[in-house]
Amino acid sequence: MAQVIYADEERFRPVEVELDERYEAESDRLRDERKELLDERRQLKKDQIELEKQLAEYAIKKQLDEKMMTSQQQLFEKKFKILEMELQKLAEEKARLEKEKNFYKAVNQNLEREKENDPGEVRMLFRGIDNLEDLKKRHRELIKIFHPDNVNGDTSVIQEINRQFDELKLKY
């Protein structure tokens, strides 16, 4: 069939060609824009995946840090309790040593007083006695040695021995 071209058609042909060109240009622009949007969407998806990965890593790191802080705090509390116990032991030891120091100080003062009150030879004669039986035994031996009827006898020494014996007998 032969194509019939109308006179009006020739007049509209440049407009139609122009519209076709515009349509093609707009179509190309939209295709390019769609491609850009798809590229951007893919990039955003990659970014989202990367951010989720970083968030997961951060959550894991945070959880590990919290566990470590908790364990360090527990360790600190244990060490602090140990230090408190050691401090208490040291305070008890200090108190015990202070008591012991005061005891030996009192003993030393008593010895000093005894030295001032007792003649040296009598004090030496009863040294080391810690019960009544030993005291009586030592007293009999000393009386035999220093009795006035013996060669080494002396009345003043016997009197001092008897005086010391009476004092020590009251203690035991």
C-alpha atoms as a PDB file:
ATOM      1  CA  MET A   1       0.000   0.000   0.000  1.00  0.00           C
ATOM      2  CA  ALA A   2       1.096   3.301  -0.747  1.00  0.00           C
ATOM      3  CA  GLN A   3       1.485   5.703   1.932  1.00  0.00           C
ATOM      4  CA  VAL A   4      -0.498   8.741   1.697  1.00  0.00           C
ATOM      5  CA  ILE A   5       1.043  11.876   2.983  1.00  0.00           C
ATOM      6  CA  TYR A   6      -1.180  14.707   3.711  1.00  0.00           C
ATOM      7  CA  ALA A   7      -0.120  18.228   3.315  1.00  0.00           C
ATOM      8  CA  ASP A   8      -0.644  18.909   6.977  1.00  0.00           C
ATOM      9  CA  GLU A   9       1.556  16.041   7.869  1.00  0.00           C
ATOM     10  CA  GLU A  10       4.531  17.643   6.283  1.00  0.00           C
ATOM     11  CA  ARG A  11       4.014  20.666   8.345  1.00  0.00           C
ATOM     12  CA  PHE A  12       3.888  18.707  11.611  1.00  0.00           C
ATOM     13  CA  ARG A  13       6.815  16.480  10.779  1.00  0.00           C
ATOM     14  CA  PRO A  14       9.534  18.827  12.147  1.00  0.00           C
ATOM     15  CA  VAL A  15       7.522  19.225  15.335  1.00  0.00           C
ATOM     16  CA  GLU A  16       7.169  15.476  15.567  1.00  0.00           C
ATOM     17  CA  VAL A  17      10.899  14.992  15.005  1.00  0.00           C
ATOM     18  CA  GLU A  18      11.581  17.649  17.597  1.00  0.00           C
ATOM     19  CA  LEU A  19       9.221  15.901  20.014  1.00  0.00           C
ATOM     20  CA  ASP A  20      10.881  12.585  19.309  1.00  0.00           C
ATOM     21  CA  GLU A  21      14.280  14.128  20.012  1.00  0.00           C
ATOM     22  CA  ARG A  22      12.987  15.670  23.203  1.00  0.00           C
ATOM     23  CA  TYR A  23      11.445  12.380  24.160  1.00  0.00           C
ATOM     24  CA  GLU A  24      14.757  10.607  23.482  1.00  0.00           C
ATOM     25  CA  ALA A  25      16.694  13.248  25.432  1.00  0.00           C
ATOM     26  CA  GLU A  26      14.279  13.077  28.351  1.00  0.00           C
ATOM     27  CA  SER A  27      14.346   9.299  28.218  1.00  0.00           C
ATOM     28  CA  ASP A  28      18.167   9.330  28.238  1.00  0.00           C
ATOM     29  CA  ARG A  29      18.189  11.818  31.107  1.00  0.00           C
ATOM     30  CA  LEU A  30      15.742   9.673  33.087  1.00  0.00           C
ATOM     31  CA  ARG A  31      17.758   6.540  32.332  1.00  0.00           C
ATOM     32  CA  ASP A  32      20.929   8.287  33.511  1.00  0.00           C
ATOM     33  CA  GLU A  33      19.147   9.586  36.597  1.00  0.00           C
ATOM     34  CA  ARG A  34      17.764   6.119  37.306  1.00  0.00           C
ATOM     35  CA  LYS A  35      21.257   4.674  36.909  1.00  0.00           C
ATOM     36  CA  GLU A  36      22.648   7.318  39.300  1.00  0.00           C
ATOM     37  CA  LEU A  37      19.863   6.582  41.780  1.00  0.00           C
ATOM     38  CA  LEU A  38      20.529   2.843  41.588  1.00  0.00           C
ATOM     39  CA  ASP A  39      24.263   3.480  42.064  1.00  0.00           C
ATOM     40  CA  GLU A  40      23.478   5.738  44.986  1.00  0.00           C
ATOM     41  CA  ARG A  41      21.109   3.110  46.422  1.00  0.00           C
ATOM     42  CA  ARG A  42      23.833   0.433  46.138  1.00  0.00           C
ATOM     43  CA  GLN A  43      26.330   2.770  47.789  1.00  0.00           C
ATOM     44  CA  LEU A  44      23.864   3.536  50.591  1.00  0.00           C
ATOM     45  CA  LYS A  45      23.259  -0.195  51.066  1.00  0.00           C
ATOM     46  CA  LYS A  46      27.039  -0.756  51.285  1.00  0.00           C
ATOM     47  CA  ASP A  47      27.319   2.118  53.759  1.00  0.00           C
ATOM     48  CA  GLN A  48      24.428   0.691  55.782  1.00  0.00           C
ATOM     49  CA  ILE A  49      26.081  -2.738  55.899  1.00  0.00           C
ATOM     50  CA  GLU A  50      29.411  -1.144  56.907  1.00  0.00           C
ATOM     51  CA  LEU A  51      27.723   0.920  59.646  1.00  0.00           C
ATOM     52  CA  GLU A  52      25.870  -2.138  60.966  1.00  0.00           C
ATOM     53  CA  LYS A  53      29.174  -4.023  61.006  1.00  0.00           C
ATOM     54  CA  GLN A  54      30.852  -1.170  62.909  1.00  0.00           C
ATOM     55  CA  LEU A  55      27.898  -1.010  65.304  1.00  0.00           C
ATOM     56  CA  ALA A  56      28.166  -4.751  65.981  1.00  0.00           C
ATOM     57  CA  GLU A  57      31.923  -4.425  66.555  1.00  0.00           C
ATOM     58  CA  TYR A  58      31.322  -1.488  68.867  1.00  0.00           C
ATOM     59  CA  ALA A  59      28.682  -3.436  70.812  1.00  0.00           C
ATOM     60  CA  ILE A  60      31.067  -6.378  71.215  1.00  0.00           C
ATOM     61  CA  LYS A  61      33.904  -4.073  72.262  1.00  0.00           C
ATOM     62  CA  LYS A  62      31.618  -2.286  74.702  1.00  0.00           C
ATOM     63  CA  GLN A  63      30.484  -5.595  76.195  1.00  0.00           C
ATOM     64  CA  LEU A  64      34.102  -6.760  76.567  1.00  0.00           C
ATOM     65  CA  ASP A  65      35.068  -3.442  78.144  1.00  0.00           C
ATOM     66  CA  GLU A  66      32.168  -3.708  80.603  1.00  0.00           C
ATOM     67  CA  LYS A  67      33.204  -7.265  81.523  1.00  0.00           C
ATOM     68  CA  MET A  68      36.794  -6.137  81.965  1.00  0.00           C
ATOM     69  CA  MET A  69      35.726  -3.173  84.100  1.00  0.00           C
ATOM     70  CA  THR A  70      33.528  -5.450  86.226  1.00  0.00           C
ATOM     71  CA  SER A  71      36.346  -7.944  86.729  1.00  0.00           C
ATOM     72  CA  GLN A  72      38.808  -5.148  87.508  1.00  0.00           C
ATOM     73  CA  GLN A  73      36.384  -3.666  90.026  1.00  0.00           C
ATOM     74  CA  GLN A  74      35.912  -7.066  91.671  1.00  0.00           C
ATOM     75  CA  LEU A  75      39.669  -7.535  91.764  1.00  0.00           C
ATOM     76  CA  PHE A  76      40.077  -4.063  93.244  1.00  0.00           C
ATOM     77  CA  GLU A  77      37.465  -4.842  95.907  1.00  0.00           C
ATOM     78  CA  LYS A  78      39.213  -8.130  96.771  1.00  0.00           C
ATOM     79  CA  LYS A  79      42.569  -6.395  97.031  1.00  0.00           C
ATOM     80  CA  PHE A  80      41.029  -3.648  99.139  1.00  0.00           C
ATOM     81  CA  LYS A  81      39.557  -6.257 101.516  1.00  0.00           C
ATOM     82  CA  ILE A  82      42.959  -7.939 101.738  1.00  0.00           C
ATOM     83  CA  LEU A  83      44.557  -4.588 102.544  1.00  0.00           C
ATOM     84  CA  GLU A  84      41.924  -3.909 105.207  1.00  0.00           C
ATOM     85  CA  MET A  85      42.565  -7.336 106.760  1.00  0.00           C
ATOM     86  CA  GLU A  86      46.317  -6.744 106.679  1.00  0.00           C
ATOM     87  CA  LEU A  87      45.812  -3.333 108.257  1.00  0.00           C
ATOM     88  CA  GLN A  88      43.701  -4.904 110.984  1.00  0.00           C
ATOM     89  CA  LYS A  89      46.355  -7.591 111.557  1.00  0.00           C
ATOM     90  CA  LEU A  90      49.030  -4.904 111.757  1.00  0.00           C
ATOM     91  CA  ALA A  91      46.938  -2.943 114.265  1.00  0.00           C
ATOM     92  CA  GLU A  92      46.471  -6.093 116.362  1.00  0.00           C
ATOM     93  CA  GLU A  93      50.186  -6.860 116.121  1.00  0.00           C
ATOM     94  CA  LYS A  94      50.994  -3.294 117.136  1.00  0.00           C
ATOM     95  CA  ALA A  95      48.648  -3.546 120.133  1.00  0.00           C
ATOM     96  CA  ARG A  96      50.175  -6.902 121.114  1.00  0.00           C
ATOM     97  CA  LEU A  97      53.693  -5.514 120.817  1.00  0.00           C
ATOM     98  CA  GLU A  98      52.689  -2.461 122.839  1.00  0.00           C
ATOM     99  CA  LYS A  99      51.325  -4.732 125.585  1.00  0.00           C
ATOM    100  CA  GLU A 100      54.484  -6.802 125.465  1.00  0.00           C
ATOM    101  CA  LYS A 101      56.597  -3.654 125.607  1.00  0.00           C
ATOM    102  CA  ASN A 102      54.633  -2.398 128.627  1.00  0.00           C
ATOM    103  CA  PHE A 103      54.964  -5.807 130.303  1.00  0.00           C
ATOM    104  CA  TYR A 104      58.732  -5.877 129.864  1.00  0.00           C
ATOM    105  CA  LYS A 105      58.938  -2.273 130.955  1.00  0.00           C
ATOM    106  CA  ALA A 106      57.046  -3.163 134.155  1.00  0.00           C
ATOM    107  CA  VAL A 107      59.253  -6.215 134.698  1.00  0.00           C
ATOM    108  CA  ASN A 108      62.335  -4.073 134.207  1.00  0.00           C
ATOM    109  CA  GLN A 109      61.022  -1.510 136.690  1.00  0.00           C
ATOM    110  CA  ASN A 110      60.357  -4.273 139.225  1.00  0.00           C
ATOM    111  CA  LEU A 111      63.877  -5.593 138.741  1.00  0.00           C
ATOM    112  CA  GLU A 112      65.256  -2.095 139.225  1.00  0.00           C
ATOM    113  CA  ARG A 113      63.267  -1.736 142.459  1.00  0.00           C
ATOM    114  CA  GLU A 114      64.505  -5.129 143.674  1.00  0.00           C
ATOM    115  CA  LYS A 115      68.089  -4.133 142.922  1.00  0.00           C
ATOM    116  CA  GLU A 116      67.649  -1.003 144.997  1.00  0.00           C
ATOM    117  CA  ASN A 117      66.061  -2.863 147.950  1.00  0.00           C
ATOM    118  CA  ASP A 118      68.117  -6.089 148.010  1.00  0.00           C
ATOM    119  CA  PRO A 119      71.768  -6.598 148.726  1.00  0.00           C
ATOM    120  CA  GLY A 120      73.533  -8.053 145.704  1.00  0.00           C
ATOM    121  CA  GLU A 121      74.591 -11.372 147.185  1.00  0.00           C
ATOM    122  CA  VAL A 122      71.159 -12.292 148.583  1.00  0.00           C
ATOM    123  CA  ARG A 123      69.385 -11.309 145.390  1.00  0.00           C
ATOM    124  CA  MET A 124      71.803 -13.501 143.485  1.00  0.00           C
ATOM    125  CA  LEU A 125      71.241 -16.391 145.873  1.00  0.00           C
ATOM    126  CA  PHE A 126      67.481 -16.627 145.205  1.00  0.00           C
ATOM    127  CA  ARG A 127      67.597 -15.945 141.479  1.00  0.00           C
ATOM    128  CA  GLY A 128      65.843 -18.499 139.217  1.00  0.00           C
ATOM    129  CA  ILE A 129      63.331 -19.634 141.845  1.00  0.00           C
ATOM    130  CA  ASP A 130      59.824 -19.998 140.442  1.00  0.00           C
ATOM    131  CA  ASN A 131      57.884 -22.103 142.981  1.00  0.00           C
ATOM    132  CA  LEU A 132      57.619 -22.629 146.739  1.00  0.00           C
ATOM    133  CA  GLU A 133      59.298 -26.041 146.744  1.00  0.00           C
ATOM    134  CA  ASP A 134      62.455 -24.698 145.045  1.00  0.00           C
ATOM    135  CA  LEU A 135      62.423 -21.708 147.392  1.00  0.00           C
ATOM    136  CA  LYS A 136      62.413 -23.924 150.533  1.00  0.00           C
ATOM    137  CA  LYS A 137      65.142 -26.134 149.124  1.00  0.00           C
ATOM    138  CA  ARG A 138      67.364 -23.131 148.302  1.00  0.00           C
ATOM    139  CA  HIS A 139      66.682 -21.631 151.749  1.00  0.00           C
ATOM    140  CA  ARG A 140      67.845 -24.835 153.533  1.00  0.00           C
ATOM    141  CA  GLU A 141      71.015 -24.928 151.419  1.00  0.00           C
ATOM    142  CA  LEU A 142      71.801 -21.261 152.132  1.00  0.00           C
ATOM    143  CA  ILE A 143      71.183 -21.664 155.874  1.00  0.00           C
ATOM    144  CA  LYS A 144      73.614 -24.600 155.968  1.00  0.00           C
ATOM    145  CA  ILE A 145      76.267 -22.564 154.165  1.00  0.00           C
ATOM    146  CA  PHE A 146      75.923 -19.225 155.997  1.00  0.00           C
ATOM    147  CA  HIS A 147      74.923 -20.456 159.492  1.00  0.00           C
ATOM    148  CA  PRO A 148      76.871 -18.563 162.201  1.00  0.00           C
ATOM    149  CA  ASP A 149      78.236 -21.818 163.644  1.00  0.00           C
ATOM    150  CA  ASN A 150      79.991 -22.649 160.358  1.00  0.00           C
ATOM    151  CA  VAL A 151      83.350 -21.321 159.274  1.00  0.00           C
ATOM    152  CA  ASN A 152      81.791 -19.118 156.590  1.00  0.00           C
ATOM    153  CA  GLY A 153      78.850 -18.119 158.774  1.00  0.00           C
ATOM    154  CA  ASP A 154      77.598 -14.552 159.175  1.00  0.00           C
ATOM    155  CA  THR A 155      74.609 -13.362 161.228  1.00  0.00           C
ATOM    156  CA  SER A 156      73.745 -10.373 159.016  1.00  0.00           C
ATOM    157  CA  VAL A 157      73.681 -12.568 155.897  1.00  0.00           C
ATOM    158  CA  ILE A 158      71.398 -15.108 157.660  1.00  0.00           C
ATOM    159  CA  GLN A 159      69.044 -12.294 158.662  1.00  0.00           C
ATOM    160  CA  GLU A 160      68.908 -11.015 155.037  1.00  0.00           C
ATOM    161  CA  ILE A 161      68.357 -14.578 153.701  1.00  0.00           C
ATOM    162  CA  ASN A 162      65.483 -15.082 156.166  1.00  0.00           C
ATOM    163  CA  ARG A 163      63.962 -11.698 155.247  1.00  0.00           C
ATOM    164  CA  GLN A 164      64.114 -12.472 151.517  1.00  0.00           C
ATOM    165  CA  PHE A 165      62.781 -15.979 152.145  1.00  0.00           C
ATOM    166  CA  ASP A 166      59.761 -14.535 153.998  1.00  0.00           C
ATOM    167  CA  GLU A 167      59.053 -12.034 151.165  1.00  0.00           C
ATOM    168  CA  LEU A 168      59.396 -14.654 148.428  1.00  0.00           C
ATOM    169  CA  LYS A 169      57.319 -17.171 150.401  1.00  0.00           C
ATOM    170  CA  LEU A 170      54.403 -14.695 150.298  1.00  0.00           C
ATOM    171  CA  LYS A 171      54.685 -14.448 146.515  1.00  0.00           C
ATOM    172  CA  TYR A 172      54.517 -18.217 145.982  1.00  0.00           C
END
